[in-house]
C-alpha atoms as a PDB file:
ATOM      1  CA  MET A   1     -43.678   8.179  40.525  1.00  0.00           C
ATOM      2  CA  GLY A   2     -41.968   8.477  44.284  1.00  0.00           C
ATOM      3  CA  LEU A   3     -43.602  12.034  44.296  1.00  0.00           C
ATOM      4  CA  ALA A   4     -46.987  10.740  44.089  1.00  0.00           C
ATOM      5  CA  SER A   5     -46.506   8.434  47.046  1.00  0.00           C
ATOM      6  CA  TYR A   6     -44.793  10.696  49.370  1.00  0.00           C
ATOM      7  CA  GLY A   7     -45.890  14.355  48.028  1.00  0.00           C
ATOM      8  CA  ILE A   8     -44.085  17.385  48.221  1.00  0.00           C
ATOM      9  CA  ALA A   9     -45.003  18.710  51.347  1.00  0.00           C
ATOM     10  CA  ARG A  10     -42.753  17.100  53.691  1.00  0.00           C
ATOM     11  CA  ASN A  11     -39.046  17.820  54.227  1.00  0.00           C
ATOM     12  CA  VAL A  12     -38.836  21.024  51.842  1.00  0.00           C
ATOM     13  CA  SER A  13     -36.125  22.583  53.656  1.00  0.00           C
ATOM     14  CA  GLN A  14     -33.868  19.111  53.288  1.00  0.00           C
ATOM     15  CA  ALA A  15     -34.672  18.979  49.682  1.00  0.00           C
ATOM     16  CA  LEU A  16     -34.063  22.895  49.018  1.00  0.00           C
ATOM     17  CA  VAL A  17     -30.749  22.411  50.503  1.00  0.00           C
ATOM     18  CA  ILE A  18     -29.802  19.612  48.556  1.00  0.00           C
ATOM     19  CA  THR A  19     -31.047  21.474  45.651  1.00  0.00           C
ATOM     20  CA  VAL A  20     -28.934  24.694  46.217  1.00  0.00           C
ATOM     21  CA  PHE A  21     -25.829  22.214  46.886  1.00  0.00           C
ATOM     22  CA  LYS A  22     -26.740  20.382  43.428  1.00  0.00           C
ATOM     23  CA  LEU A  23     -27.230  23.557  41.203  1.00  0.00           C
ATOM     24  CA  VAL A  24     -25.209  26.240  42.538  1.00  0.00           C
ATOM     25  CA  VAL A  25     -22.374  24.773  44.709  1.00  0.00           C
ATOM     26  CA  MET A  26     -21.342  21.833  42.811  1.00  0.00           C
ATOM     27  CA  PRO A  27     -21.153  23.794  39.547  1.00  0.00           C
ATOM     28  CA  ALA A  28     -19.314  26.143  41.181  1.00  0.00           C
ATOM     29  CA  ILE A  29     -16.673  24.105  42.641  1.00  0.00           C
ATOM     30  CA  VAL A  30     -16.071  22.165  38.895  1.00  0.00           C
ATOM     31  CA  LEU A  31     -15.740  25.702  37.509  1.00  0.00           C
ATOM     32  CA  ALA A  32     -12.982  26.972  39.740  1.00  0.00           C
ATOM     33  CA  THR A  33     -11.195  23.722  39.689  1.00  0.00           C
ATOM     34  CA  GLY A  34     -11.469  23.423  36.158  1.00  0.00           C
ATOM     35  CA  TRP A  35     -10.007  26.824  35.798  1.00  0.00           C
ATOM     36  CA  ALA A  36      -7.576  26.230  38.358  1.00  0.00           C
ATOM     37  CA  ILE A  37      -5.858  23.513  36.684  1.00  0.00           C
ATOM     38  CA  GLY A  38      -5.756  25.042  33.430  1.00  0.00           C
ATOM     39  CA  LEU A  39      -8.249  23.101  31.379  1.00  0.00           C
ATOM     40  CA  ALA A  40      -9.311  24.592  28.000  1.00  0.00           C
ATOM     41  CA  PRO A  41     -12.361  26.464  28.175  1.00  0.00           C
ATOM     42  CA  LEU A  42     -14.475  24.272  26.482  1.00  0.00           C
ATOM     43  CA  ALA A  43     -13.866  21.145  28.908  1.00  0.00           C
ATOM     44  CA  VAL A  44     -14.295  23.329  31.748  1.00  0.00           C
ATOM     45  CA  GLY A  45     -17.949  24.508  30.318  1.00  0.00           C
ATOM     46  CA  ALA A  46     -18.725  21.123  29.711  1.00  0.00           C
ATOM     47  CA  ALA A  47     -17.829  20.021  33.037  1.00  0.00           C
ATOM     48  CA  THR A  48     -19.640  22.956  34.839  1.00  0.00           C
ATOM     49  CA  LEU A  49     -22.715  22.358  32.673  1.00  0.00           C
ATOM     50  CA  ALA A  50     -22.682  18.354  33.687  1.00  0.00           C
ATOM     51  CA  ALA A  51     -22.343  19.198  37.243  1.00  0.00           C
ATOM     52  CA  ALA A  52     -25.326  21.650  36.958  1.00  0.00           C
ATOM     53  CA  CYS A  53     -27.444  19.007  35.827  1.00  0.00           C
ATOM     54  CA  PRO A  54     -30.758  18.079  38.121  1.00  0.00           C
ATOM     55  CA  THR A  55     -30.810  15.451  40.883  1.00  0.00           C
ATOM     56  CA  GLY A  56     -31.215  12.141  38.778  1.00  0.00           C
ATOM     57  CA  VAL A  57     -32.963   9.260  39.925  1.00  0.00           C
ATOM     58  CA  ASN A  58     -30.243   7.313  41.253  1.00  0.00           C
ATOM     59  CA  PRO A  59     -30.527   8.899  44.988  1.00  0.00           C
ATOM     60  CA  PHE A  60     -34.420   7.866  45.223  1.00  0.00           C
ATOM     61  CA  LEU A  61     -33.408   4.396  43.941  1.00  0.00           C
ATOM     62  CA  ILE A  62     -30.409   4.177  46.822  1.00  0.00           C
ATOM     63  CA  ALA A  63     -32.536   5.514  49.339  1.00  0.00           C
ATOM     64  CA  GLY A  64     -35.122   2.786  48.509  1.00  0.00           C
ATOM     65  CA  ARG A  65     -32.605   0.066  48.491  1.00  0.00           C
ATOM     66  CA  PHE A  66     -31.814   1.551  52.007  1.00  0.00           C
ATOM     67  CA  GLY A  67     -35.371   2.022  53.134  1.00  0.00           C
ATOM     68  CA  THR A  68     -34.927   5.439  54.159  1.00  0.00           C
ATOM     69  CA  GLY A  69     -35.061   9.008  52.712  1.00  0.00           C
ATOM     70  CA  GLU A  70     -37.380   8.323  49.726  1.00  0.00           C
ATOM     71  CA  ALA A  71     -39.274  11.550  50.482  1.00  0.00           C
ATOM     72  CA  ILE A  72     -36.286  13.815  50.383  1.00  0.00           C
ATOM     73  CA  ALA A  73     -35.018  11.871  47.528  1.00  0.00           C
ATOM     74  CA  SER A  74     -38.231  12.843  45.611  1.00  0.00           C
ATOM     75  CA  ASN A  75     -38.619  16.206  46.509  1.00  0.00           C
ATOM     76  CA  ALA A  76     -35.243  16.935  45.518  1.00  0.00           C
ATOM     77  CA  ILE A  77     -35.834  15.344  42.368  1.00  0.00           C
ATOM     78  CA  ALA A  78     -38.917  17.790  41.450  1.00  0.00           C
ATOM     79  CA  ILE A  79     -37.448  20.940  42.925  1.00  0.00           C
ATOM     80  CA  SER A  80     -33.912  20.502  41.192  1.00  0.00           C
ATOM     81  CA  THR A  81     -35.986  19.596  37.796  1.00  0.00           C
ATOM     82  CA  ALA A  82     -38.041  22.815  37.970  1.00  0.00           C
ATOM     83  CA  ALA A  83     -35.399  24.736  39.105  1.00  0.00           C
ATOM     84  CA  GLY A  84     -32.723  23.136  36.703  1.00  0.00           C
ATOM     85  CA  PHE A  85     -34.238  25.288  33.864  1.00  0.00           C
ATOM     86  CA  VAL A  86     -33.221  28.635  35.475  1.00  0.00           C
ATOM     87  CA  SER A  87     -30.091  27.472  36.889  1.00  0.00           C
ATOM     88  CA  THR A  88     -28.721  25.996  33.290  1.00  0.00           C
ATOM     89  CA  ALA A  89     -29.411  29.529  31.884  1.00  0.00           C
ATOM     90  CA  ILE A  90     -27.973  31.259  34.742  1.00  0.00           C
ATOM     91  CA  TRP A  91     -24.737  29.019  34.325  1.00  0.00           C
ATOM     92  CA  LEU A  92     -24.652  29.486  30.916  1.00  0.00           C
ATOM     93  CA  VAL A  93     -24.763  33.211  30.767  1.00  0.00           C
ATOM     94  CA  ILE A  94     -21.647  33.017  33.660  1.00  0.00           C
ATOM     95  CA  LEU A  95     -19.699  30.698  31.481  1.00  0.00           C
ATOM     96  CA  GLN A  96     -20.007  32.839  28.417  1.00  0.00           C
ATOM     97  CA  TRP A  97     -18.867  35.690  30.228  1.00  0.00           C
ATOM     98  CA  LEU A  98     -15.994  33.865  32.100  1.00  0.00           C
ATOM     99  CA  LEU A  99     -14.651  31.648  29.284  1.00  0.00           C
ATOM    100  CA  ALA A 100     -15.334  33.450  26.326  1.00  0.00           C
END
């Protein structure tokens, strides 16, 4: 609903940075940390996939509460949801290769 109000034309570069951090950097950090501390492969895989989920609605709700950043949050949600299909498949392949 926020996307209908704000559109996707504004703040795309910031939303892309947020999306890259959410779908690439965060899961990589979780994977490396889980592996480094010796978690079981299943736990590392589950935590990594949880970290690789697209941006949820909470950032938009928080931005609305503070009255700033709604357009960026809306774009990040839309872009990360669209890119999440591909990134989740890639993370599954990486996890299968690393943790099998």
